[in-house]
Full PDB file with SEQRES, HELIX, SHEET, SSBOND, CRYST1, ORIGX, SCALE, CONECT and MASTER records, all heavy atoms in Angstrom:
SEQRES   1 A   39  LYS LYS VAL TYR ARG LEU LEU HIS ARG LYS LEU MET PHE          
SEQRES   2 A   39  HIS ARG VAL GLY VAL LYS GLU GLY ASN LEU PHE GLN PRO          
SEQRES   3 A   39  THR TYR VAL TYR PRO GLU GLU VAL LYS MET LEU VAL ARG          
HELIX    1 AA1 LYS A    2  PHE A   13  1                                  12    
HELIX    2 AA2 GLU A   32  VAL A   38  1                                   7    
CRYST1    1.000    1.000    1.000  90.00  90.00  90.00 P 1           1          
ORIGX1      1.000000  0.000000  0.000000        0.00000                         
ORIGX2      0.000000  1.000000  0.000000        0.00000                         
ORIGX3      0.000000  0.000000  1.000000        0.00000                         
SCALE1      1.000000  0.000000  0.000000        0.00000                         
SCALE2      0.000000  1.000000  0.000000        0.00000                         
SCALE3      0.000000  0.000000  1.000000        0.00000                         
ATOM      1  N   LYS A   1       0.842  -1.199   0.027  1.00  0.00           N  
ATOM      2  CA  LYS A   1      -0.017   0.035  -0.052  1.00  0.00           C  
ATOM      3  C   LYS A   1       0.873   1.227  -0.059  1.00  0.00           C  
ATOM      4  O   LYS A   1       0.565   2.235  -0.708  1.00  0.00           O  
ATOM      5  CB  LYS A   1      -0.886  -0.026   1.242  1.00  0.00           C  
ATOM      6  CG  LYS A   1      -1.913   1.092   1.268  1.00  0.00           C  
ATOM      7  CD  LYS A   1      -2.860   0.963   2.448  1.00  0.00           C  
ATOM      8  CE  LYS A   1      -3.875   2.067   2.521  1.00  0.00           C  
ATOM      9  NZ  LYS A   1      -4.763   1.931   3.650  1.00  0.00           N  
ATOM     10  N   LYS A   2       1.933   1.229   0.787  1.00  0.00           N  
ATOM     11  CA  LYS A   2       2.855   2.411   0.842  1.00  0.00           C  
ATOM     12  C   LYS A   2       3.504   2.657  -0.529  1.00  0.00           C  
ATOM     13  O   LYS A   2       3.628   3.792  -0.989  1.00  0.00           O  
ATOM     14  CB  LYS A   2       3.908   2.148   1.957  1.00  0.00           C  
ATOM     15  CG  LYS A   2       4.931   3.252   2.093  1.00  0.00           C  
ATOM     16  CD  LYS A   2       4.340   4.394   2.763  1.00  0.00           C  
ATOM     17  CE  LYS A   2       5.432   5.394   3.151  1.00  0.00           C  
ATOM     18  NZ  LYS A   2       4.869   6.522   3.833  1.00  0.00           N  
ATOM     19  N   VAL A   3       3.988   1.587  -1.194  1.00  0.00           N  
ATOM     20  CA  VAL A   3       4.606   1.733  -2.486  1.00  0.00           C  
ATOM     21  C   VAL A   3       3.622   2.317  -3.474  1.00  0.00           C  
ATOM     22  O   VAL A   3       3.987   3.313  -4.235  1.00  0.00           O  
ATOM     23  CB  VAL A   3       5.160   0.393  -2.995  1.00  0.00           C  
ATOM     24  CG1 VAL A   3       5.576   0.477  -4.457  1.00  0.00           C  
ATOM     25  CG2 VAL A   3       6.307  -0.116  -2.128  1.00  0.00           C  
ATOM     26  N   TYR A   4       2.401   1.823  -3.529  1.00  0.00           N  
ATOM     27  CA  TYR A   4       1.421   2.383  -4.487  1.00  0.00           C  
ATOM     28  C   TYR A   4       1.038   3.808  -4.149  1.00  0.00           C  
ATOM     29  O   TYR A   4       0.833   4.601  -5.047  1.00  0.00           O  
ATOM     30  CB  TYR A   4       0.187   1.459  -4.484  1.00  0.00           C  
ATOM     31  CG  TYR A   4       0.453   0.094  -5.192  1.00  0.00           C  
ATOM     32  CD1 TYR A   4       0.118  -1.088  -4.532  1.00  0.00           C  
ATOM     33  CD2 TYR A   4       0.981   0.071  -6.425  1.00  0.00           C  
ATOM     34  CE1 TYR A   4       0.322  -2.322  -5.176  1.00  0.00           C  
ATOM     35  CE2 TYR A   4       1.260  -1.129  -7.073  1.00  0.00           C  
ATOM     36  CZ  TYR A   4       0.898  -2.313  -6.379  1.00  0.00           C  
ATOM     37  OH  TYR A   4       1.136  -3.555  -6.987  1.00  0.00           O  
ATOM     38  N   ARG A   5       0.964   4.160  -2.819  1.00  0.00           N  
ATOM     39  CA  ARG A   5       0.664   5.551  -2.490  1.00  0.00           C  
ATOM     40  C   ARG A   5       1.735   6.445  -2.873  1.00  0.00           C  
ATOM     41  O   ARG A   5       1.516   7.550  -3.428  1.00  0.00           O  
ATOM     42  CB  ARG A   5       0.476   5.658  -0.943  1.00  0.00           C  
ATOM     43  CG  ARG A   5      -0.952   5.320  -0.539  1.00  0.00           C  
ATOM     44  CD  ARG A   5      -1.316   5.716   0.908  1.00  0.00           C  
ATOM     45  NE  ARG A   5      -0.278   6.408   1.657  1.00  0.00           N  
ATOM     46  CZ  ARG A   5       0.272   5.931   2.779  1.00  0.00           C  
ATOM     47  NH1 ARG A   5      -0.028   4.769   3.275  1.00  0.00           N  
ATOM     48  NH2 ARG A   5       1.202   6.680   3.435  1.00  0.00           N  
ATOM     49  N   LEU A   6       3.036   6.044  -2.677  1.00  0.00           N  
ATOM     50  CA  LEU A   6       4.175   6.833  -3.110  1.00  0.00           C  
ATOM     51  C   LEU A   6       4.223   6.998  -4.596  1.00  0.00           C  
ATOM     52  O   LEU A   6       4.497   8.085  -5.113  1.00  0.00           O  
ATOM     53  CB  LEU A   6       5.497   6.310  -2.565  1.00  0.00           C  
ATOM     54  CG  LEU A   6       5.671   6.376  -1.052  1.00  0.00           C  
ATOM     55  CD1 LEU A   6       6.948   5.553  -0.674  1.00  0.00           C  
ATOM     56  CD2 LEU A   6       5.807   7.768  -0.602  1.00  0.00           C  
ATOM     57  N   LEU A   7       3.942   5.964  -5.305  1.00  0.00           N  
ATOM     58  CA  LEU A   7       3.904   6.025  -6.793  1.00  0.00           C  
ATOM     59  C   LEU A   7       2.813   6.889  -7.255  1.00  0.00           C  
ATOM     60  O   LEU A   7       3.008   7.742  -8.188  1.00  0.00           O  
ATOM     61  CB  LEU A   7       3.744   4.551  -7.352  1.00  0.00           C  
ATOM     62  CG  LEU A   7       3.877   4.358  -8.821  1.00  0.00           C  
ATOM     63  CD1 LEU A   7       5.196   4.954  -9.363  1.00  0.00           C  
ATOM     64  CD2 LEU A   7       3.839   2.912  -9.173  1.00  0.00           C  
ATOM     65  N   HIS A   8       1.649   6.814  -6.644  1.00  0.00           N  
ATOM     66  CA  HIS A   8       0.510   7.671  -6.943  1.00  0.00           C  
ATOM     67  C   HIS A   8       0.861   9.168  -6.748  1.00  0.00           C  
ATOM     68  O   HIS A   8       0.554  10.000  -7.545  1.00  0.00           O  
ATOM     69  CB  HIS A   8      -0.721   7.301  -6.139  1.00  0.00           C  
ATOM     70  CG  HIS A   8      -1.951   8.087  -6.488  1.00  0.00           C  
ATOM     71  ND1 HIS A   8      -2.238   9.289  -5.918  1.00  0.00           N  
ATOM     72  CD2 HIS A   8      -2.988   7.867  -7.386  1.00  0.00           C  
ATOM     73  CE1 HIS A   8      -3.387   9.738  -6.411  1.00  0.00           C  
ATOM     74  NE2 HIS A   8      -3.815   8.858  -7.313  1.00  0.00           N  
ATOM     75  N   ARG A   9       1.537   9.448  -5.631  1.00  0.00           N  
ATOM     76  CA  ARG A   9       1.967  10.818  -5.323  1.00  0.00           C  
ATOM     77  C   ARG A   9       2.914  11.348  -6.329  1.00  0.00           C  
ATOM     78  O   ARG A   9       2.816  12.507  -6.746  1.00  0.00           O  
ATOM     79  CB  ARG A   9       2.595  10.814  -3.913  1.00  0.00           C  
ATOM     80  CG  ARG A   9       2.968  12.190  -3.450  1.00  0.00           C  
ATOM     81  CD  ARG A   9       3.617  12.189  -2.103  1.00  0.00           C  
ATOM     82  NE  ARG A   9       2.727  11.690  -1.057  1.00  0.00           N  
ATOM     83  CZ  ARG A   9       3.130  11.198   0.073  1.00  0.00           C  
ATOM     84  NH1 ARG A   9       4.422  11.209   0.389  1.00  0.00           N  
ATOM     85  NH2 ARG A   9       2.250  10.747   0.908  1.00  0.00           N  
ATOM     86  N   LYS A  10       3.868  10.505  -6.773  1.00  0.00           N  
ATOM     87  CA  LYS A  10       4.821  10.958  -7.803  1.00  0.00           C  
ATOM     88  C   LYS A  10       4.132  11.225  -9.114  1.00  0.00           C  
ATOM     89  O   LYS A  10       4.438  12.210  -9.806  1.00  0.00           O  
ATOM     90  CB  LYS A  10       5.913   9.912  -7.959  1.00  0.00           C  
ATOM     91  CG  LYS A  10       7.021  10.355  -8.837  1.00  0.00           C  
ATOM     92  CD  LYS A  10       8.235   9.496  -8.595  1.00  0.00           C  
ATOM     93  CE  LYS A  10       9.441  10.028  -9.307  1.00  0.00           C  
ATOM     94  NZ  LYS A  10      10.012  11.197  -8.770  1.00  0.00           N  
ATOM     95  N   LEU A  11       3.180  10.374  -9.466  1.00  0.00           N  
ATOM     96  CA  LEU A  11       2.489  10.615 -10.794  1.00  0.00           C  
ATOM     97  C   LEU A  11       1.603  11.861 -10.694  1.00  0.00           C  
ATOM     98  O   LEU A  11       1.518  12.584 -11.679  1.00  0.00           O  
ATOM     99  CB  LEU A  11       1.623   9.374 -11.033  1.00  0.00           C  
ATOM    100  CG  LEU A  11       2.338   8.113 -11.418  1.00  0.00           C  
ATOM    101  CD1 LEU A  11       1.403   6.889 -11.472  1.00  0.00           C  
ATOM    102  CD2 LEU A  11       3.087   8.297 -12.751  1.00  0.00           C  
ATOM    103  N   MET A  12       0.970  12.104  -9.499  1.00  0.00           N  
ATOM    104  CA  MET A  12       0.159  13.256  -9.340  1.00  0.00           C  
ATOM    105  C   MET A  12       1.021  14.572  -9.338  1.00  0.00           C  
ATOM    106  O   MET A  12       0.643  15.614  -9.871  1.00  0.00           O  
ATOM    107  CB  MET A  12      -0.630  13.259  -8.039  1.00  0.00           C  
ATOM    108  CG  MET A  12      -1.820  12.342  -8.176  1.00  0.00           C  
ATOM    109  SD  MET A  12      -2.999  12.783  -9.470  1.00  0.00           S  
ATOM    110  CE  MET A  12      -3.493  14.446  -8.923  1.00  0.00           C  
ATOM    111  N   PHE A  13       2.246  14.455  -8.747  1.00  0.00           N  
ATOM    112  CA  PHE A  13       3.162  15.604  -8.691  1.00  0.00           C  
ATOM    113  C   PHE A  13       3.560  16.057 -10.122  1.00  0.00           C  
ATOM    114  O   PHE A  13       3.663  17.201 -10.390  1.00  0.00           O  
ATOM    115  CB  PHE A  13       4.424  15.272  -7.937  1.00  0.00           C  
ATOM    116  CG  PHE A  13       5.419  16.309  -7.848  1.00  0.00           C  
ATOM    117  CD1 PHE A  13       5.239  17.416  -7.048  1.00  0.00           C  
ATOM    118  CD2 PHE A  13       6.592  16.314  -8.696  1.00  0.00           C  
ATOM    119  CE1 PHE A  13       6.189  18.395  -6.961  1.00  0.00           C  
ATOM    120  CE2 PHE A  13       7.561  17.319  -8.644  1.00  0.00           C  
ATOM    121  CZ  PHE A  13       7.353  18.383  -7.773  1.00  0.00           C  
ATOM    122  N   HIS A  14       3.730  15.030 -11.008  1.00  0.00           N  
ATOM    123  CA  HIS A  14       4.089  15.356 -12.400  1.00  0.00           C  
ATOM    124  C   HIS A  14       2.829  15.448 -13.332  1.00  0.00           C  
ATOM    125  O   HIS A  14       2.982  15.589 -14.532  1.00  0.00           O  
ATOM    126  CB  HIS A  14       4.988  14.221 -12.959  1.00  0.00           C  
ATOM    127  CG  HIS A  14       6.413  14.299 -12.320  1.00  0.00           C  
ATOM    128  ND1 HIS A  14       7.301  15.236 -12.635  1.00  0.00           N  
ATOM    129  CD2 HIS A  14       6.929  13.508 -11.352  1.00  0.00           C  
ATOM    130  CE1 HIS A  14       8.398  15.067 -11.968  1.00  0.00           C  
ATOM    131  NE2 HIS A  14       8.162  13.996 -11.141  1.00  0.00           N  
ATOM    132  N   ARG A  15       1.696  15.380 -12.668  1.00  0.00           N  
ATOM    133  CA  ARG A  15       0.377  15.594 -13.386  1.00  0.00           C  
ATOM    134  C   ARG A  15       0.164  14.627 -14.541  1.00  0.00           C  
ATOM    135  O   ARG A  15      -0.350  14.979 -15.593  1.00  0.00           O  
ATOM    136  CB  ARG A  15       0.222  17.047 -13.784  1.00  0.00           C  
ATOM    137  CG  ARG A  15       0.305  17.999 -12.545  1.00  0.00           C  
ATOM    138  CD  ARG A  15      -0.127  19.395 -12.785  1.00  0.00           C  
ATOM    139  NE  ARG A  15      -1.418  19.575 -13.357  1.00  0.00           N  
ATOM    140  CZ  ARG A  15      -2.557  19.559 -12.618  1.00  0.00           C  
ATOM    141  NH1 ARG A  15      -2.554  19.236 -11.350  1.00  0.00           N  
ATOM    142  NH2 ARG A  15      -3.712  19.754 -13.183  1.00  0.00           N  
ATOM    143  N   VAL A  16       0.579  13.410 -14.351  1.00  0.00           N  
ATOM    144  CA  VAL A  16       0.403  12.385 -15.353  1.00  0.00           C  
ATOM    145  C   VAL A  16      -1.120  12.042 -15.422  1.00  0.00           C  
ATOM    146  O   VAL A  16      -1.678  11.645 -14.456  1.00  0.00           O  
ATOM    147  CB  VAL A  16       1.213  11.128 -15.042  1.00  0.00           C  
ATOM    148  CG1 VAL A  16       0.915   9.998 -16.041  1.00  0.00           C  
ATOM    149  CG2 VAL A  16       2.685  11.454 -15.033  1.00  0.00           C  
ATOM    150  N   GLY A  17      -1.654  12.181 -16.581  1.00  0.00           N  
ATOM    151  CA  GLY A  17      -3.089  11.866 -16.802  1.00  0.00           C  
ATOM    152  C   GLY A  17      -4.072  12.866 -16.308  1.00  0.00           C  
ATOM    153  O   GLY A  17      -5.271  12.642 -16.353  1.00  0.00           O  
ATOM    154  N   VAL A  18      -3.584  14.048 -15.828  1.00  0.00           N  
ATOM    155  CA  VAL A  18      -4.463  15.090 -15.331  1.00  0.00           C  
ATOM    156  C   VAL A  18      -4.663  16.068 -16.463  1.00  0.00           C  
ATOM    157  O   VAL A  18      -3.703  16.661 -16.965  1.00  0.00           O  
ATOM    158  CB  VAL A  18      -3.864  15.753 -14.063  1.00  0.00           C  
ATOM    159  CG1 VAL A  18      -4.802  16.889 -13.606  1.00  0.00           C  
ATOM    160  CG2 VAL A  18      -3.662  14.771 -12.997  1.00  0.00           C  
ATOM    161  N   LYS A  19      -5.928  16.299 -16.857  1.00  0.00           N  
ATOM    162  CA  LYS A  19      -6.257  17.198 -17.871  1.00  0.00           C  
ATOM    163  C   LYS A  19      -6.261  18.658 -17.334  1.00  0.00           C  
ATOM    164  O   LYS A  19      -6.572  18.861 -16.204  1.00  0.00           O  
ATOM    165  CB  LYS A  19      -7.543  16.881 -18.560  1.00  0.00           C  
ATOM    166  CG  LYS A  19      -7.532  15.594 -19.234  1.00  0.00           C  
ATOM    167  CD  LYS A  19      -8.930  15.278 -19.776  1.00  0.00           C  
ATOM    168  CE  LYS A  19      -8.936  13.947 -20.518  1.00  0.00           C  
ATOM    169  NZ  LYS A  19      -8.891  12.777 -19.657  1.00  0.00           N  
ATOM    170  N   GLU A  20      -5.894  19.635 -18.122  1.00  0.00           N  
ATOM    171  CA  GLU A  20      -5.838  21.020 -17.700  1.00  0.00           C  
ATOM    172  C   GLU A  20      -7.244  21.448 -17.257  1.00  0.00           C  
ATOM    173  O   GLU A  20      -8.207  21.267 -17.992  1.00  0.00           O  
ATOM    174  CB  GLU A  20      -5.346  21.875 -18.874  1.00  0.00           C  
ATOM    175  CG  GLU A  20      -4.955  23.285 -18.504  1.00  0.00           C  
ATOM    176  CD  GLU A  20      -3.805  23.297 -17.523  1.00  0.00           C  
ATOM    177  OE1 GLU A  20      -2.898  22.499 -17.686  1.00  0.00           O  
ATOM    178  OE2 GLU A  20      -3.779  24.124 -16.594  1.00  0.00           O  
ATOM    179  N   GLY A  21      -7.297  22.015 -16.122  1.00  0.00           N  
ATOM    180  CA  GLY A  21      -8.592  22.549 -15.574  1.00  0.00           C  
ATOM    181  C   GLY A  21      -9.431  21.475 -14.863  1.00  0.00           C  
ATOM    182  O   GLY A  21     -10.498  21.790 -14.348  1.00  0.00           O  
ATOM    183  N   ASN A  22      -9.008  20.206 -14.925  1.00  0.00           N  
ATOM    184  CA  ASN A  22      -9.767  19.141 -14.275  1.00  0.00           C  
ATOM    185  C   ASN A  22      -9.450  19.074 -12.840  1.00  0.00           C  
ATOM    186  O   ASN A  22      -8.213  18.985 -12.486  1.00  0.00           O  
ATOM    187  CB  ASN A  22      -9.478  17.860 -15.009  1.00  0.00           C  
ATOM    188  CG  ASN A  22     -10.448  16.695 -14.579  1.00  0.00           C  
ATOM    189  OD1 ASN A  22     -11.238  16.895 -13.695  1.00  0.00           O  
ATOM    190  ND2 ASN A  22     -10.342  15.587 -15.244  1.00  0.00           N  
ATOM    191  N   LEU A  23     -10.340  19.085 -11.926  1.00  0.00           N  
ATOM    192  CA  LEU A  23     -10.117  19.089 -10.505  1.00  0.00           C  
ATOM    193  C   LEU A  23     -10.057  17.660  -9.964  1.00  0.00           C  
ATOM    194  O   LEU A  23      -9.740  17.489  -8.756  1.00  0.00           O  
ATOM    195  CB  LEU A  23     -11.140  19.906  -9.713  1.00  0.00           C  
ATOM    196  CG  LEU A  23     -11.200  21.425 -10.176  1.00  0.00           C  
ATOM    197  CD1 LEU A  23     -12.278  22.091  -9.390  1.00  0.00           C  
ATOM    198  CD2 LEU A  23      -9.872  22.075  -9.872  1.00  0.00           C  
ATOM    199  N   PHE A  24     -10.486  16.656 -10.724  1.00  0.00           N  
ATOM    200  CA  PHE A  24     -10.593  15.331 -10.217  1.00  0.00           C  
ATOM    201  C   PHE A  24      -9.229  14.626 -10.434  1.00  0.00           C  
ATOM    202  O   PHE A  24      -8.585  14.755 -11.440  1.00  0.00           O  
ATOM    203  CB  PHE A  24     -11.679  14.548 -10.902  1.00  0.00           C  
ATOM    204  CG  PHE A  24     -13.036  15.087 -10.666  1.00  0.00           C  
ATOM    205  CD1 PHE A  24     -13.700  15.895 -11.589  1.00  0.00           C  
ATOM    206  CD2 PHE A  24     -13.645  14.890  -9.414  1.00  0.00           C  
ATOM    207  CE1 PHE A  24     -14.928  16.402 -11.315  1.00  0.00           C  
ATOM    208  CE2 PHE A  24     -14.896  15.358  -9.165  1.00  0.00           C  
ATOM    209  CZ  PHE A  24     -15.548  16.144 -10.099  1.00  0.00           C  
ATOM    210  N   GLN A  25      -8.834  13.839  -9.400  1.00  0.00           N  
ATOM    211  CA  GLN A  25      -7.668  12.996  -9.548  1.00  0.00           C  
ATOM    212  C   GLN A  25      -7.964  11.725 -10.221  1.00  0.00           C  
ATOM    213  O   GLN A  25      -8.946  11.100  -9.958  1.00  0.00           O  
ATOM    214  CB  GLN A  25      -7.075  12.597  -8.150  1.00  0.00           C  
ATOM    215  CG  GLN A  25      -6.610  13.783  -7.302  1.00  0.00           C  
ATOM    216  CD  GLN A  25      -6.039  13.302  -6.009  1.00  0.00           C  
ATOM    217  OE1 GLN A  25      -6.013  12.134  -5.690  1.00  0.00           O  
ATOM    218  NE2 GLN A  25      -5.533  14.207  -5.204  1.00  0.00           N  
ATOM    219  N   PRO A  26      -7.110  11.334 -11.168  1.00  0.00           N  
ATOM    220  CA  PRO A  26      -7.382  10.060 -11.894  1.00  0.00           C  
ATOM    221  C   PRO A  26      -7.129   8.900 -11.038  1.00  0.00           C  
ATOM    222  O   PRO A  26      -6.381   8.907 -10.016  1.00  0.00           O  
ATOM    223  CB  PRO A  26      -6.404  10.097 -13.077  1.00  0.00           C  
ATOM    224  CG  PRO A  26      -5.333  10.958 -12.620  1.00  0.00           C  
ATOM    225  CD  PRO A  26      -5.962  11.974 -11.695  1.00  0.00           C  
ATOM    226  N   THR A  27      -7.704   7.767 -11.326  1.00  0.00           N  
ATOM    227  CA  THR A  27      -7.377   6.484 -10.718  1.00  0.00           C  
ATOM    228  C   THR A  27      -6.366   5.841 -11.601  1.00  0.00           C  
ATOM    229  O   THR A  27      -6.608   5.561 -12.802  1.00  0.00           O  
ATOM    230  CB  THR A  27      -8.637   5.565 -10.596  1.00  0.00           C  
ATOM    231  OG1 THR A  27      -9.651   6.282  -9.845  1.00  0.00           O  
ATOM    232  CG2 THR A  27      -8.322   4.274  -9.985  1.00  0.00           C  
ATOM    233  N   TYR A  28      -5.181   5.579 -11.070  1.00  0.00           N  
ATOM    234  CA  TYR A  28      -4.116   5.007 -11.882  1.00  0.00           C  
ATOM    235  C   TYR A  28      -4.148   3.442 -11.836  1.00  0.00           C  
ATOM    236  O   TYR A  28      -4.359   2.899 -10.787  1.00  0.00           O  
ATOM    237  CB  TYR A  28      -2.772   5.456 -11.273  1.00  0.00           C  
ATOM    238  CG  TYR A  28      -2.482   6.945 -11.500  1.00  0.00           C  
ATOM    239  CD1 TYR A  28      -2.302   7.785 -10.437  1.00  0.00           C  
ATOM    240  CD2 TYR A  28      -2.421   7.452 -12.797  1.00  0.00           C  
ATOM    241  CE1 TYR A  28      -2.070   9.096 -10.571  1.00  0.00           C  
ATOM    242  CE2 TYR A  28      -2.140   8.841 -12.934  1.00  0.00           C  
ATOM    243  CZ  TYR A  28      -1.996   9.629 -11.881  1.00  0.00           C  
ATOM    244  OH  TYR A  28      -1.737  10.958 -11.998  1.00  0.00           O  
ATOM    245  N   VAL A  29      -4.025   2.915 -13.020  1.00  0.00           N  
ATOM    246  CA  VAL A  29      -3.845   1.445 -13.149  1.00  0.00           C  
ATOM    247  C   VAL A  29      -2.426   1.265 -13.647  1.00  0.00           C  
ATOM    248  O   VAL A  29      -2.060   1.767 -14.692  1.00  0.00           O  
ATOM    249  CB  VAL A  29      -4.880   0.882 -14.163  1.00  0.00           C  
ATOM    250  CG1 VAL A  29      -4.647  -0.560 -14.398  1.00  0.00           C  
ATOM    251  CG2 VAL A  29      -6.295   1.118 -13.671  1.00  0.00           C  
ATOM    252  N   TYR A  30      -1.645   0.517 -12.822  1.00  0.00           N  
ATOM    253  CA  TYR A  30      -0.221   0.343 -13.146  1.00  0.00           C  
ATOM    254  C   TYR A  30      -0.002  -0.775 -14.027  1.00  0.00           C  
ATOM    255  O   TYR A  30      -0.782  -1.717 -14.026  1.00  0.00           O  
ATOM    256  CB  TYR A  30       0.527   0.177 -11.810  1.00  0.00           C  
ATOM    257  CG  TYR A  30       0.319   1.362 -10.807  1.00  0.00           C  
ATOM    258  CD1 TYR A  30      -0.510   1.169  -9.682  1.00  0.00           C  
ATOM    259  CD2 TYR A  30       0.815   2.556 -11.076  1.00  0.00           C  
ATOM    260  CE1 TYR A  30      -0.683   2.212  -8.772  1.00  0.00           C  
ATOM    261  CE2 TYR A  30       0.534   3.657 -10.229  1.00  0.00           C  
ATOM    262  CZ  TYR A  30      -0.173   3.456  -9.111  1.00  0.00           C  
ATOM    263  OH  TYR A  30      -0.460   4.525  -8.250  1.00  0.00           O  
ATOM    264  N   PRO A  31       1.147  -0.758 -14.745  1.00  0.00           N  
ATOM    265  CA  PRO A  31       1.438  -1.863 -15.642  1.00  0.00           C  
ATOM    266  C   PRO A  31       1.630  -3.186 -14.834  1.00  0.00           C  
ATOM    267  O   PRO A  31       1.979  -3.106 -13.660  1.00  0.00           O  
ATOM    268  CB  PRO A  31       2.762  -1.419 -16.346  1.00  0.00           C  
ATOM    269  CG  PRO A  31       3.119  -0.092 -15.797  1.00  0.00           C  
ATOM    270  CD  PRO A  31       2.097   0.311 -14.830  1.00  0.00           C  
ATOM    271  N   GLU A  32       1.487  -4.272 -15.505  1.00  0.00           N  
ATOM    272  CA  GLU A  32       1.656  -5.561 -14.871  1.00  0.00           C  
ATOM    273  C   GLU A  32       3.089  -5.729 -14.296  1.00  0.00           C  
ATOM    274  O   GLU A  32       3.293  -6.365 -13.303  1.00  0.00           O  
ATOM    275  CB  GLU A  32       1.378  -6.703 -15.831  1.00  0.00           C  
ATOM    276  CG  GLU A  32      -0.081  -6.961 -16.062  1.00  0.00           C  
ATOM    277  CD  GLU A  32      -0.799  -7.377 -14.802  1.00  0.00           C  
ATOM    278  OE1 GLU A  32      -0.283  -8.186 -14.015  1.00  0.00           O  
ATOM    279  OE2 GLU A  32      -1.871  -6.803 -14.578  1.00  0.00           O  
ATOM    280  N   GLU A  33       4.073  -5.072 -14.901  1.00  0.00           N  
ATOM    281  CA  GLU A  33       5.476  -5.204 -14.425  1.00  0.00           C  
ATOM    282  C   GLU A  33       5.617  -4.617 -13.067  1.00  0.00           C  
ATOM    283  O   GLU A  33       6.298  -5.102 -12.209  1.00  0.00           O  
ATOM    284  CB  GLU A  33       6.447  -4.530 -15.388  1.00  0.00           C  
ATOM    285  CG  GLU A  33       6.588  -5.241 -16.725  1.00  0.00           C  
ATOM    286  CD  GLU A  33       5.515  -4.884 -17.747  1.00  0.00           C  
ATOM    287  OE1 GLU A  33       4.588  -4.120 -17.436  1.00  0.00           O  
ATOM    288  OE2 GLU A  33       5.589  -5.434 -18.899  1.00  0.00           O  
ATOM    289  N   VAL A  34       4.894  -3.472 -12.847  1.00  0.00           N  
ATOM    290  CA  VAL A  34       4.935  -2.794 -11.518  1.00  0.00           C  
ATOM    291  C   VAL A  34       4.305  -3.716 -10.484  1.00  0.00           C  
ATOM    292  O   VAL A  34       4.801  -3.933  -9.343  1.00  0.00           O  
ATOM    293  CB  VAL A  34       4.267  -1.444 -11.551  1.00  0.00           C  
ATOM    294  CG1 VAL A  34       4.166  -0.834 -10.164  1.00  0.00           C  
ATOM    295  CG2 VAL A  34       5.015  -0.485 -12.431  1.00  0.00           C  
ATOM    296  N   LYS A  35       3.137  -4.306 -10.841  1.00  0.00           N  
ATOM    297  CA  LYS A  35       2.428  -5.171  -9.897  1.00  0.00           C  
ATOM    298  C   LYS A  35       3.286  -6.401  -9.606  1.00  0.00           C  
ATOM    299  O   LYS A  35       3.357  -6.769  -8.451  1.00  0.00           O  
ATOM    300  CB  LYS A  35       1.118  -5.614 -10.522  1.00  0.00           C  
ATOM    301  CG  LYS A  35       0.133  -4.408 -10.702  1.00  0.00           C  
ATOM    302  CD  LYS A  35      -1.126  -4.879 -11.380  1.00  0.00           C  
ATOM    303  CE  LYS A  35      -2.074  -3.805 -11.735  1.00  0.00           C  
ATOM    304  NZ  LYS A  35      -3.293  -4.231 -12.459  1.00  0.00           N  
ATOM    305  N   MET A  36       3.927  -6.957 -10.632  1.00  0.00           N  
ATOM    306  CA  MET A  36       4.730  -8.182 -10.398  1.00  0.00           C  
ATOM    307  C   MET A  36       5.960  -7.804  -9.538  1.00  0.00           C  
ATOM    308  O   MET A  36       6.317  -8.645  -8.657  1.00  0.00           O  
ATOM    309  CB  MET A  36       5.188  -8.779 -11.707  1.00  0.00           C  
ATOM    310  CG  MET A  36       4.058  -9.392 -12.470  1.00  0.00           C  
ATOM    311  SD  MET A  36       4.554 -10.283 -13.948  1.00  0.00           S  
ATOM    312  CE  MET A  36       5.544  -9.146 -14.818  1.00  0.00           C  
ATOM    313  N   LEU A  37       6.563  -6.643  -9.735  1.00  0.00           N  
ATOM    314  CA  LEU A  37       7.677  -6.250  -8.939  1.00  0.00           C  
ATOM    315  C   LEU A  37       7.276  -6.095  -7.470  1.00  0.00           C  
ATOM    316  O   LEU A  37       7.929  -6.656  -6.539  1.00  0.00           O  
ATOM    317  CB  LEU A  37       8.238  -4.890  -9.442  1.00  0.00           C  
ATOM    318  CG  LEU A  37       9.308  -4.245  -8.576  1.00  0.00           C  
ATOM    319  CD1 LEU A  37      10.622  -5.047  -8.558  1.00  0.00           C  
ATOM    320  CD2 LEU A  37       9.538  -2.796  -8.977  1.00  0.00           C  
ATOM    321  N   VAL A  38       6.193  -5.344  -7.198  1.00  0.00           N  
ATOM    322  CA  VAL A  38       5.820  -5.123  -5.817  1.00  0.00           C  
ATOM    323  C   VAL A  38       5.391  -6.438  -5.196  1.00  0.00           C  
ATOM    324  O   VAL A  38       5.748  -6.692  -3.986  1.00  0.00           O  
ATOM    325  CB  VAL A  38       4.636  -4.094  -5.773  1.00  0.00           C  
ATOM    326  CG1 VAL A  38       4.090  -3.930  -4.319  1.00  0.00           C  
ATOM    327  CG2 VAL A  38       5.115  -2.760  -6.318  1.00  0.00           C  
ATOM    328  N   ARG A  39       4.712  -7.308  -5.895  1.00  0.00           N  
ATOM    329  CA  ARG A  39       4.260  -8.543  -5.356  1.00  0.00           C  
ATOM    330  C   ARG A  39       5.466  -9.527  -5.127  1.00  0.00           C  
ATOM    331  O   ARG A  39       5.423 -10.379  -4.219  1.00  0.00           O  
ATOM    332  CB  ARG A  39       3.260  -9.206  -6.213  1.00  0.00           C  
ATOM    333  CG  ARG A  39       1.916  -8.463  -6.265  1.00  0.00           C  
ATOM    334  CD  ARG A  39       0.973  -9.050  -7.250  1.00  0.00           C  
ATOM    335  NE  ARG A  39      -0.284  -8.302  -7.207  1.00  0.00           N  
ATOM    336  CZ  ARG A  39      -1.287  -8.523  -8.032  1.00  0.00           C  
ATOM    337  NH1 ARG A  39      -1.235  -9.523  -8.858  1.00  0.00           N  
ATOM    338  NH2 ARG A  39      -2.375  -7.859  -7.877  1.00  0.00           N  
TER     339      ARG A  39                                                      
MASTER        0    0    0    2    0    0    0    6  338    1    0    3          
END                                                                             
């Protein structure tokens, strides 16, 4: 959970997937490689 939260924070900091003027945070779906690494 901590790894995914930190990864989410980093993606939000760089505004990955956030459209200009959109106030909603996206729900990130990580690649299978990330899931396999963490698991």
